[in-house]
């Protein structure tokens, strides 16, 4: 059954500590990866001016970085 929700890249770009939620990339996923990945698998320029491959490994690392940066600023 097809979903009405578009398949978009879930790579974390920013973290909202108050809402405990990530702002995500939102690029449409290529048809080839829609059923196997939540990430576009492309190299993208993120808002912090760094190039990153939007894949599962990098997403986990970026999520840790964003959470720790938010924790450091709340001290």
C-alpha atoms as a PDB file:
ATOM      1  CA  UNK A   1       0.000   0.000   0.000  1.00  0.00           C
ATOM      2  CA  UNK A   2       1.453   3.365  -1.016  1.00  0.00           C
ATOM      3  CA  UNK A   3       1.785   6.107   1.549  1.00  0.00           C
ATOM      4  CA  UNK A   4       0.627   9.679   0.929  1.00  0.00           C
ATOM      5  CA  UNK A   5       3.658  10.917   2.876  1.00  0.00           C
ATOM      6  CA  UNK A   6       6.582  11.691   0.578  1.00  0.00           C
ATOM      7  CA  UNK A   7       9.775   9.764   1.249  1.00  0.00           C
ATOM      8  CA  UNK A   8      12.378  12.304   2.346  1.00  0.00           C
ATOM      9  CA  UNK A   9      15.914  12.175   3.697  1.00  0.00           C
ATOM     10  CA  UNK A  10      15.890  12.004   7.506  1.00  0.00           C
ATOM     11  CA  UNK A  11      19.506  13.192   7.970  1.00  0.00           C
ATOM     12  CA  UNK A  12      19.652  15.448  11.075  1.00  0.00           C
ATOM     13  CA  UNK A  13      20.645  19.064  10.389  1.00  0.00           C
ATOM     14  CA  UNK A  14      19.788  20.694  13.712  1.00  0.00           C
ATOM     15  CA  UNK A  15      18.464  19.673  17.119  1.00  0.00           C
ATOM     16  CA  UNK A  16      15.681  21.376  19.038  1.00  0.00           C
ATOM     17  CA  UNK A  17      16.401  20.480  22.671  1.00  0.00           C
ATOM     18  CA  UNK A  18      13.107  21.894  23.912  1.00  0.00           C
ATOM     19  CA  UNK A  19      11.072  19.727  21.534  1.00  0.00           C
ATOM     20  CA  UNK A  20      13.633  16.884  21.668  1.00  0.00           C
ATOM     21  CA  UNK A  21      13.425  16.614  17.899  1.00  0.00           C
ATOM     22  CA  UNK A  22      15.732  16.974  14.920  1.00  0.00           C
ATOM     23  CA  UNK A  23      15.304  19.214  11.908  1.00  0.00           C
ATOM     24  CA  UNK A  24      15.954  16.904   8.975  1.00  0.00           C
ATOM     25  CA  UNK A  25      17.295  17.340   5.457  1.00  0.00           C
ATOM     26  CA  UNK A  26      13.995  16.729   3.656  1.00  0.00           C
ATOM     27  CA  UNK A  27      15.410  16.012   0.181  1.00  0.00           C
ATOM     28  CA  UNK A  28      13.204  13.585  -1.744  1.00  0.00           C
ATOM     29  CA  UNK A  29      14.678  10.082  -1.645  1.00  0.00           C
ATOM     30  CA  UNK A  30      15.723   8.514  -4.939  1.00  0.00           C
ATOM     31  CA  UNK A  31      13.259   5.808  -5.975  1.00  0.00           C
ATOM     32  CA  UNK A  32      16.025   3.203  -5.692  1.00  0.00           C
ATOM     33  CA  UNK A  33      16.611   3.849  -1.967  1.00  0.00           C
ATOM     34  CA  UNK A  34      13.064   4.611  -0.772  1.00  0.00           C
ATOM     35  CA  UNK A  35      12.417   1.074   0.471  1.00  0.00           C
ATOM     36  CA  UNK A  36      15.841   0.422   1.999  1.00  0.00           C
ATOM     37  CA  UNK A  37      17.058   3.654   3.578  1.00  0.00           C
ATOM     38  CA  UNK A  38      15.850   6.761   5.376  1.00  0.00           C
ATOM     39  CA  UNK A  39      18.726   8.745   3.861  1.00  0.00           C
ATOM     40  CA  UNK A  40      19.370  10.092   0.357  1.00  0.00           C
ATOM     41  CA  UNK A  41      22.936   8.643   0.288  1.00  0.00           C
ATOM     42  CA  UNK A  42      24.134  11.807  -1.470  1.00  0.00           C
ATOM     43  CA  UNK A  43      26.921  14.200  -0.512  1.00  0.00           C
ATOM     44  CA  UNK A  44      25.190  17.396   0.584  1.00  0.00           C
ATOM     45  CA  UNK A  45      26.278  20.799   1.841  1.00  0.00           C
ATOM     46  CA  UNK A  46      24.781  21.144   5.308  1.00  0.00           C
ATOM     47  CA  UNK A  47      23.834  24.449   7.010  1.00  0.00           C
ATOM     48  CA  UNK A  48      27.122  24.449   8.944  1.00  0.00           C
ATOM     49  CA  UNK A  49      28.954  24.676   5.566  1.00  0.00           C
ATOM     50  CA  UNK A  50      30.317  21.112   5.708  1.00  0.00           C
ATOM     51  CA  UNK A  51      29.912  18.457   3.059  1.00  0.00           C
ATOM     52  CA  UNK A  52      28.521  15.197   4.424  1.00  0.00           C
ATOM     53  CA  UNK A  53      27.259  11.976   2.888  1.00  0.00           C
ATOM     54  CA  UNK A  54      23.704  11.525   4.099  1.00  0.00           C
ATOM     55  CA  UNK A  55      23.841   7.879   5.123  1.00  0.00           C
ATOM     56  CA  UNK A  56      23.020   5.961   8.292  1.00  0.00           C
ATOM     57  CA  UNK A  57      26.560   5.997   9.713  1.00  0.00           C
ATOM     58  CA  UNK A  58      26.992   9.764   9.258  1.00  0.00           C
ATOM     59  CA  UNK A  59      23.460  10.430  10.542  1.00  0.00           C
ATOM     60  CA  UNK A  60      24.167   8.695  13.849  1.00  0.00           C
ATOM     61  CA  UNK A  61      27.433  10.587  14.274  1.00  0.00           C
ATOM     62  CA  UNK A  62      25.768  13.914  13.405  1.00  0.00           C
ATOM     63  CA  UNK A  63      22.906  13.271  15.832  1.00  0.00           C
ATOM     64  CA  UNK A  64      25.450  12.710  18.636  1.00  0.00           C
ATOM     65  CA  UNK A  65      27.306  15.918  17.680  1.00  0.00           C
ATOM     66  CA  UNK A  66      24.116  17.992  17.657  1.00  0.00           C
ATOM     67  CA  UNK A  67      22.886  16.640  20.989  1.00  0.00           C
ATOM     68  CA  UNK A  68      26.236  17.205  22.691  1.00  0.00           C
ATOM     69  CA  UNK A  69      26.520  20.729  21.271  1.00  0.00           C
ATOM     70  CA  UNK A  70      23.068  21.523  22.645  1.00  0.00           C
ATOM     71  CA  UNK A  71      23.996  20.054  26.038  1.00  0.00           C
ATOM     72  CA  UNK A  72      27.197  22.134  26.133  1.00  0.00           C
ATOM     73  CA  UNK A  73      25.348  25.390  25.447  1.00  0.00           C
ATOM     74  CA  UNK A  74      22.713  24.711  28.115  1.00  0.00           C
ATOM     75  CA  UNK A  75      25.284  24.597  30.943  1.00  0.00           C
END
